[in-house]
Amino acid sequence: MKIAFFTGPQCCLCDDADELLRQSSVYEQLQITKHNIRDNTDHYHLYAVRIPVLKREDNGVELGWPFTLDELELFLK
């Protein structure tokens, strides 16, 4: 599954979300592309106050912070 991970520089919440992703039961099957929102004006306007945000490429569903491992697992099903 392809996941877009919207993040930013020096974002401790993004680090926490990344750690939860690594704990996910399907982590090895994920194709994660990180997007620094400061590199893209559209991404910045959409996600600046919401990062970290995960977006499924297959259906466009987003999961914004805060989320638990259980919520992440459900999102990835």
PDB file of N, CA and C in Angstrom:
ATOM      1  N   MET A   1       0.842  -1.169   0.000  1.00  0.00           N
ATOM      2  CA  MET A   1       0.000   0.000   0.000  1.00  0.00           C
ATOM      3  C   MET A   1       0.892   1.239   0.000  1.00  0.00           C
ATOM      4  N   LYS A   2       0.510   2.214  -0.798  1.00  0.00           N
ATOM      5  CA  LYS A   2       1.266   3.461  -0.868  1.00  0.00           C
ATOM      6  C   LYS A   2       0.668   4.480   0.097  1.00  0.00           C
ATOM      7  N   ILE A   3       1.556   5.073   0.895  1.00  0.00           N
ATOM      8  CA  ILE A   3       1.168   6.058   1.899  1.00  0.00           C
ATOM      9  C   ILE A   3       1.986   7.326   1.687  1.00  0.00           C
ATOM     10  N   ALA A   4       1.295   8.464   1.627  1.00  0.00           N
ATOM     11  CA  ALA A   4       1.962   9.761   1.631  1.00  0.00           C
ATOM     12  C   ALA A   4       2.007  10.225   3.085  1.00  0.00           C
ATOM     13  N   PHE A   5       3.194  10.590   3.532  1.00  0.00           N
ATOM     14  CA  PHE A   5       3.408  11.017   4.914  1.00  0.00           C
ATOM     15  C   PHE A   5       3.802  12.487   4.864  1.00  0.00           C
ATOM     16  N   PHE A   6       2.863  13.360   5.248  1.00  0.00           N
ATOM     17  CA  PHE A   6       3.116  14.797   5.227  1.00  0.00           C
ATOM     18  C   PHE A   6       3.729  15.189   6.562  1.00  0.00           C
ATOM     19  N   THR A   7       4.899  15.791   6.479  1.00  0.00           N
ATOM     20  CA  THR A   7       5.709  16.061   7.655  1.00  0.00           C
ATOM     21  C   THR A   7       6.375  17.425   7.507  1.00  0.00           C
ATOM     22  N   GLY A   8       7.158  17.775   8.480  1.00  0.00           N
ATOM     23  CA  GLY A   8       7.888  19.033   8.440  1.00  0.00           C
ATOM     24  C   GLY A   8       9.203  18.896   9.179  1.00  0.00           C
ATOM     25  N   PRO A   9      10.081  19.873   8.996  1.00  0.00           N
ATOM     26  CA  PRO A   9      11.383  19.814   9.657  1.00  0.00           C
ATOM     27  C   PRO A   9      11.250  20.014  11.165  1.00  0.00           C
ATOM     28  N   GLN A  10      12.062  19.298  11.905  1.00  0.00           N
ATOM     29  CA  GLN A  10      12.118  19.408  13.366  1.00  0.00           C
ATOM     30  C   GLN A  10      10.733  19.270  13.995  1.00  0.00           C
ATOM     31  N   CYS A  11       9.998  18.270  13.545  1.00  0.00           N
ATOM     32  CA  CYS A  11       8.625  18.029  14.012  1.00  0.00           C
ATOM     33  C   CYS A  11       8.628  16.791  14.901  1.00  0.00           C
ATOM     34  N   CYS A  12       8.606  17.001  16.218  1.00  0.00           N
ATOM     35  CA  CYS A  12       8.658  15.862  17.141  1.00  0.00           C
ATOM     36  C   CYS A  12       7.399  15.006  17.045  1.00  0.00           C
ATOM     37  N   LEU A  13       6.263  15.599  16.721  1.00  0.00           N
ATOM     38  CA  LEU A  13       5.045  14.811  16.529  1.00  0.00           C
ATOM     39  C   LEU A  13       5.172  13.915  15.303  1.00  0.00           C
ATOM     40  N   CYS A  14       5.858  14.411  14.283  1.00  0.00           N
ATOM     41  CA  CYS A  14       6.103  13.610  13.082  1.00  0.00           C
ATOM     42  C   CYS A  14       6.994  12.415  13.419  1.00  0.00           C
ATOM     43  N   ASP A  15       7.963  12.637  14.285  1.00  0.00           N
ATOM     44  CA  ASP A  15       8.820  11.534  14.739  1.00  0.00           C
ATOM     45  C   ASP A  15       7.995  10.485  15.480  1.00  0.00           C
ATOM     46  N   ASP A  16       7.048  10.945  16.296  1.00  0.00           N
ATOM     47  CA  ASP A  16       6.174  10.017  17.022  1.00  0.00           C
ATOM     48  C   ASP A  16       5.315   9.211  16.051  1.00  0.00           C
ATOM     49  N   ALA A  17       4.772   9.879  15.043  1.00  0.00           N
ATOM     50  CA  ALA A  17       3.949   9.194  14.040  1.00  0.00           C
ATOM     51  C   ALA A  17       4.787   8.191  13.256  1.00  0.00           C
ATOM     52  N   ASP A  18       6.010   8.562  12.939  1.00  0.00           N
ATOM     53  CA  ASP A  18       6.911   7.665  12.216  1.00  0.00           C
ATOM     54  C   ASP A  18       7.190   6.413  13.045  1.00  0.00           C
ATOM     55  N   GLU A  19       7.378   6.590  14.335  1.00  0.00           N
ATOM     56  CA  GLU A  19       7.619   5.446  15.216  1.00  0.00           C
ATOM     57  C   GLU A  19       6.402   4.524  15.261  1.00  0.00           C
ATOM     58  N   LEU A  20       5.204   5.088  15.311  1.00  0.00           N
ATOM     59  CA  LEU A  20       3.997   4.260  15.279  1.00  0.00           C
ATOM     60  C   LEU A  20       3.895   3.496  13.962  1.00  0.00           C
ATOM     61  N   LEU A  21       4.230   4.154  12.864  1.00  0.00           N
ATOM     62  CA  LEU A  21       4.220   3.464  11.566  1.00  0.00           C
ATOM     63  C   LEU A  21       5.132   2.251  11.603  1.00  0.00           C
ATOM     64  N   ARG A  22       6.308   2.415  12.180  1.00  0.00           N
ATOM     65  CA  ARG A  22       7.274   1.313  12.250  1.00  0.00           C
ATOM     66  C   ARG A  22       6.764   0.165  13.129  1.00  0.00           C
ATOM     67  N   GLN A  23       5.892   0.470  14.071  1.00  0.00           N
ATOM     68  CA  GLN A  23       5.313  -0.555  14.942  1.00  0.00           C
ATOM     69  C   GLN A  23       4.125  -1.263  14.297  1.00  0.00           C
ATOM     70  N   SER A  24       3.637  -0.730  13.204  1.00  0.00           N
ATOM     71  CA  SER A  24       2.461  -1.303  12.545  1.00  0.00           C
ATOM     72  C   SER A  24       2.737  -2.718  12.061  1.00  0.00           C
ATOM     73  N   SER A  25       1.721  -3.548  12.125  1.00  0.00           N
ATOM     74  CA  SER A  25       1.861  -4.947  11.698  1.00  0.00           C
ATOM     75  C   SER A  25       2.097  -5.080  10.196  1.00  0.00           C
ATOM     76  N   VAL A  26       1.787  -4.044   9.427  1.00  0.00           N
ATOM     77  CA  VAL A  26       1.946  -4.115   7.963  1.00  0.00           C
ATOM     78  C   VAL A  26       3.071  -3.197   7.459  1.00  0.00           C
ATOM     79  N   TYR A  27       3.917  -2.725   8.369  1.00  0.00           N
ATOM     80  CA  TYR A  27       4.957  -1.755   7.995  1.00  0.00           C
ATOM     81  C   TYR A  27       5.795  -2.220   6.808  1.00  0.00           C
ATOM     82  N   GLU A  28       6.189  -3.475   6.799  1.00  0.00           N
ATOM     83  CA  GLU A  28       7.054  -3.995   5.736  1.00  0.00           C
ATOM     84  C   GLU A  28       6.370  -3.976   4.375  1.00  0.00           C
ATOM     85  N   GLN A  29       5.053  -3.922   4.354  1.00  0.00           N
ATOM     86  CA  GLN A  29       4.302  -3.929   3.100  1.00  0.00           C
ATOM     87  C   GLN A  29       3.984  -2.524   2.600  1.00  0.00           C
ATOM     88  N   LEU A  30       4.316  -1.513   3.377  1.00  0.00           N
ATOM     89  CA  LEU A  30       3.980  -0.138   3.015  1.00  0.00           C
ATOM     90  C   LEU A  30       5.061   0.491   2.147  1.00  0.00           C
ATOM     91  N   GLN A  31       4.617   1.317   1.216  1.00  0.00           N
ATOM     92  CA  GLN A  31       5.512   2.165   0.437  1.00  0.00           C
ATOM     93  C   GLN A  31       5.230   3.596   0.887  1.00  0.00           C
ATOM     94  N   ILE A  32       6.097   4.105   1.732  1.00  0.00           N
ATOM     95  CA  ILE A  32       5.872   5.413   2.354  1.00  0.00           C
ATOM     96  C   ILE A  32       6.722   6.464   1.658  1.00  0.00           C
ATOM     97  N   THR A  33       6.045   7.527   1.229  1.00  0.00           N
ATOM     98  CA  THR A  33       6.735   8.668   0.638  1.00  0.00           C
ATOM     99  C   THR A  33       6.537   9.851   1.567  1.00  0.00           C
ATOM    100  N   LYS A  34       7.647  10.379   2.087  1.00  0.00           N
ATOM    101  CA  LYS A  34       7.563  11.536   2.977  1.00  0.00           C
ATOM    102  C   LYS A  34       7.571  12.820   2.149  1.00  0.00           C
ATOM    103  N   HIS A  35       6.688  13.734   2.530  1.00  0.00           N
ATOM    104  CA  HIS A  35       6.579  15.031   1.869  1.00  0.00           C
ATOM    105  C   HIS A  35       6.792  16.120   2.917  1.00  0.00           C
ATOM    106  N   ASN A  36       7.866  16.877   2.774  1.00  0.00           N
ATOM    107  CA  ASN A  36       8.094  18.030   3.634  1.00  0.00           C
ATOM    108  C   ASN A  36       7.163  19.134   3.140  1.00  0.00           C
ATOM    109  N   ILE A  37       6.217  19.541   3.968  1.00  0.00           N
ATOM    110  CA  ILE A  37       5.215  20.502   3.517  1.00  0.00           C
ATOM    111  C   ILE A  37       5.819  21.862   3.169  1.00  0.00           C
ATOM    112  N   ARG A  38       7.007  22.133   3.641  1.00  0.00           N
ATOM    113  CA  ARG A  38       7.643  23.418   3.321  1.00  0.00           C
ATOM    114  C   ARG A  38       8.207  23.456   1.901  1.00  0.00           C
ATOM    115  N   ASP A  39       8.242  22.296   1.262  1.00  0.00           N
ATOM    116  CA  ASP A  39       8.752  22.226  -0.109  1.00  0.00           C
ATOM    117  C   ASP A  39       7.666  22.429  -1.158  1.00  0.00           C
ATOM    118  N   ASN A  40       6.404  22.519  -0.725  1.00  0.00           N
ATOM    119  CA  ASN A  40       5.294  22.611  -1.668  1.00  0.00           C
ATOM    120  C   ASN A  40       4.230  23.531  -1.072  1.00  0.00           C
ATOM    121  N   THR A  41       3.930  24.624  -1.757  1.00  0.00           N
ATOM    122  CA  THR A  41       2.983  25.611  -1.239  1.00  0.00           C
ATOM    123  C   THR A  41       1.609  25.015  -0.988  1.00  0.00           C
ATOM    124  N   ASP A  42       1.137  24.182  -1.906  1.00  0.00           N
ATOM    125  CA  ASP A  42      -0.183  23.563  -1.726  1.00  0.00           C
ATOM    126  C   ASP A  42      -0.208  22.676  -0.485  1.00  0.00           C
ATOM    127  N   HIS A  43       0.830  21.867  -0.330  1.00  0.00           N
ATOM    128  CA  HIS A  43       0.904  21.001   0.852  1.00  0.00           C
ATOM    129  C   HIS A  43       0.973  21.841   2.127  1.00  0.00           C
ATOM    130  N   TYR A  44       1.722  22.917   2.072  1.00  0.00           N
ATOM    131  CA  TYR A  44       1.847  23.779   3.250  1.00  0.00           C
ATOM    132  C   TYR A  44       0.486  24.326   3.668  1.00  0.00           C
ATOM    133  N   HIS A  45      -0.277  24.821   2.697  1.00  0.00           N
ATOM    134  CA  HIS A  45      -1.589  25.395   3.016  1.00  0.00           C
ATOM    135  C   HIS A  45      -2.582  24.336   3.499  1.00  0.00           C
ATOM    136  N   LEU A  46      -2.465  23.123   2.988  1.00  0.00           N
ATOM    137  CA  LEU A  46      -3.375  22.053   3.395  1.00  0.00           C
ATOM    138  C   LEU A  46      -3.031  21.451   4.757  1.00  0.00           C
ATOM    139  N   TYR A  47      -1.735  21.350   5.056  1.00  0.00           N
ATOM    140  CA  TYR A  47      -1.320  20.526   6.190  1.00  0.00           C
ATOM    141  C   TYR A  47      -0.528  21.246   7.277  1.00  0.00           C
ATOM    142  N   ALA A  48      -0.258  22.527   7.142  1.00  0.00           N
ATOM    143  CA  ALA A  48       0.644  23.218   8.069  1.00  0.00           C
ATOM    144  C   ALA A  48       0.249  23.058   9.532  1.00  0.00           C
ATOM    145  N   VAL A  49      -1.023  23.160   9.830  1.00  0.00           N
ATOM    146  CA  VAL A  49      -1.452  23.061  11.231  1.00  0.00           C
ATOM    147  C   VAL A  49      -1.914  21.654  11.587  1.00  0.00           C
ATOM    148  N   ARG A  50      -1.787  20.713  10.643  1.00  0.00           N
ATOM    149  CA  ARG A  50      -2.306  19.361  10.867  1.00  0.00           C
ATOM    150  C   ARG A  50      -1.231  18.282  10.930  1.00  0.00           C
ATOM    151  N   ILE A  51       0.017  18.604  10.550  1.00  0.00           N
ATOM    152  CA  ILE A  51       1.024  17.541  10.472  1.00  0.00           C
ATOM    153  C   ILE A  51       1.290  16.954  11.851  1.00  0.00           C
ATOM    154  N   PRO A  52       1.606  15.693  11.872  1.00  0.00           N
ATOM    155  CA  PRO A  52       1.779  14.776  10.756  1.00  0.00           C
ATOM    156  C   PRO A  52       0.429  14.254  10.236  1.00  0.00           C
ATOM    157  N   VAL A  53       0.374  14.046   8.929  1.00  0.00           N
ATOM    158  CA  VAL A  53      -0.815  13.501   8.282  1.00  0.00           C
ATOM    159  C   VAL A  53      -0.378  12.362   7.372  1.00  0.00           C
ATOM    160  N   LEU A  54      -1.107  11.257   7.449  1.00  0.00           N
ATOM    161  CA  LEU A  54      -0.900  10.125   6.546  1.00  0.00           C
ATOM    162  C   LEU A  54      -2.055  10.111   5.558  1.00  0.00           C
ATOM    163  N   LYS A  55      -1.747   9.827   4.308  1.00  0.00           N
ATOM    164  CA  LYS A  55      -2.783   9.766   3.276  1.00  0.00           C
ATOM    165  C   LYS A  55      -2.599   8.499   2.465  1.00  0.00           C
ATOM    166  N   ARG A  56      -3.664   7.709   2.379  1.00  0.00           N
ATOM    167  CA  ARG A  56      -3.632   6.501   1.549  1.00  0.00           C
ATOM    168  C   ARG A  56      -3.738   6.919   0.090  1.00  0.00           C
ATOM    169  N   GLU A  57      -2.839   6.405  -0.735  1.00  0.00           N
ATOM    170  CA  GLU A  57      -2.852   6.747  -2.151  1.00  0.00           C
ATOM    171  C   GLU A  57      -3.982   6.034  -2.893  1.00  0.00           C
ATOM    172  N   ASP A  58      -4.447   4.891  -2.367  1.00  0.00           N
ATOM    173  CA  ASP A  58      -5.469   4.121  -3.078  1.00  0.00           C
ATOM    174  C   ASP A  58      -6.868   4.720  -2.967  1.00  0.00           C
ATOM    175  N   ASN A  59      -7.171   5.363  -1.838  1.00  0.00           N
ATOM    176  CA  ASN A  59      -8.525   5.886  -1.675  1.00  0.00           C
ATOM    177  C   ASN A  59      -8.575   7.339  -1.194  1.00  0.00           C
ATOM    178  N   GLY A  60      -7.423   7.946  -0.950  1.00  0.00           N
ATOM    179  CA  GLY A  60      -7.369   9.349  -0.564  1.00  0.00           C
ATOM    180  C   GLY A  60      -7.735   9.642   0.884  1.00  0.00           C
ATOM    181  N   VAL A  61      -8.005   8.609   1.669  1.00  0.00           N
ATOM    182  CA  VAL A  61      -8.372   8.808   3.074  1.00  0.00           C
ATOM    183  C   VAL A  61      -7.146   9.276   3.857  1.00  0.00           C
ATOM    184  N   GLU A  62      -7.367  10.249   4.731  1.00  0.00           N
ATOM    185  CA  GLU A  62      -6.286  10.807   5.531  1.00  0.00           C
ATOM    186  C   GLU A  62      -6.470  10.472   7.006  1.00  0.00           C
ATOM    187  N   LEU A  63      -5.342  10.345   7.683  1.00  0.00           N
ATOM    188  CA  LEU A  63      -5.317  10.160   9.131  1.00  0.00           C
ATOM    189  C   LEU A  63      -4.397  11.226   9.704  1.00  0.00           C
ATOM    190  N   GLY A  64      -4.981  12.141  10.452  1.00  0.00           N
ATOM    191  CA  GLY A  64      -4.198  13.221  11.044  1.00  0.00           C
ATOM    192  C   GLY A  64      -3.893  12.956  12.504  1.00  0.00           C
ATOM    193  N   TRP A  65      -2.840  13.574  12.965  1.00  0.00           N
ATOM    194  CA  TRP A  65      -2.397  13.457  14.346  1.00  0.00           C
ATOM    195  C   TRP A  65      -3.361  14.191  15.252  1.00  0.00           C
ATOM    196  N   PRO A  66      -3.663  13.704  16.427  1.00  0.00           N
ATOM    197  CA  PRO A  66      -3.069  12.540  17.066  1.00  0.00           C
ATOM    198  C   PRO A  66      -3.811  11.257  16.690  1.00  0.00           C
ATOM    199  N   PHE A  67      -3.065  10.157  16.655  1.00  0.00           N
ATOM    200  CA  PHE A  67      -3.669   8.844  16.458  1.00  0.00           C
ATOM    201  C   PHE A  67      -2.882   7.808  17.238  1.00  0.00           C
ATOM    202  N   THR A  68      -3.598   6.746  17.584  1.00  0.00           N
ATOM    203  CA  THR A  68      -3.000   5.648  18.338  1.00  0.00           C
ATOM    204  C   THR A  68      -2.578   4.546  17.368  1.00  0.00           C
ATOM    205  N   LEU A  69      -1.859   3.570  17.878  1.00  0.00           N
ATOM    206  CA  LEU A  69      -1.476   2.428  17.052  1.00  0.00           C
ATOM    207  C   LEU A  69      -2.722   1.687  16.575  1.00  0.00           C
ATOM    208  N   ASP A  70      -3.724   1.556  17.433  1.00  0.00           N
ATOM    209  CA  ASP A  70      -4.966   0.884  17.033  1.00  0.00           C
ATOM    210  C   ASP A  70      -5.665   1.642  15.905  1.00  0.00           C
ATOM    211  N   GLU A  71      -5.720   2.958  16.010  1.00  0.00           N
ATOM    212  CA  GLU A  71      -6.339   3.769  14.952  1.00  0.00           C
ATOM    213  C   GLU A  71      -5.545   3.663  13.655  1.00  0.00           C
ATOM    214  N   LEU A  72      -4.229   3.627  13.772  1.00  0.00           N
ATOM    215  CA  LEU A  72      -3.376   3.474  12.601  1.00  0.00           C
ATOM    216  C   LEU A  72      -3.611   2.128  11.931  1.00  0.00           C
ATOM    217  N   GLU A  73      -3.675   1.079  12.719  1.00  0.00           N
ATOM    218  CA  GLU A  73      -3.912  -0.260  12.163  1.00  0.00           C
ATOM    219  C   GLU A  73      -5.245  -0.306  11.414  1.00  0.00           C
ATOM    220  N   LEU A  74      -6.269   0.304  11.970  1.00  0.00           N
ATOM    221  CA  LEU A  74      -7.576   0.345  11.315  1.00  0.00           C
ATOM    222  C   LEU A  74      -7.494   1.132  10.004  1.00  0.00           C
ATOM    223  N   PHE A  75      -6.789   2.244  10.020  1.00  0.00           N
ATOM    224  CA  PHE A  75      -6.584   3.070   8.827  1.00  0.00           C
ATOM    225  C   PHE A  75      -5.882   2.286   7.718  1.00  0.00           C
ATOM    226  N   LEU A  76      -4.967   1.414   8.096  1.00  0.00           N
ATOM    227  CA  LEU A  76      -4.170   0.674   7.115  1.00  0.00           C
ATOM    228  C   LEU A  76      -4.840  -0.606   6.619  1.00  0.00           C
ATOM    229  N   LYS A  77      -6.004  -0.950   7.143  1.00  0.00           N
ATOM    230  CA  LYS A  77      -6.708  -2.164   6.688  1.00  0.00           C
ATOM    231  C   LYS A  77      -7.358  -1.943   5.345  1.00  0.00           C
TER     232      LYS A  77
END
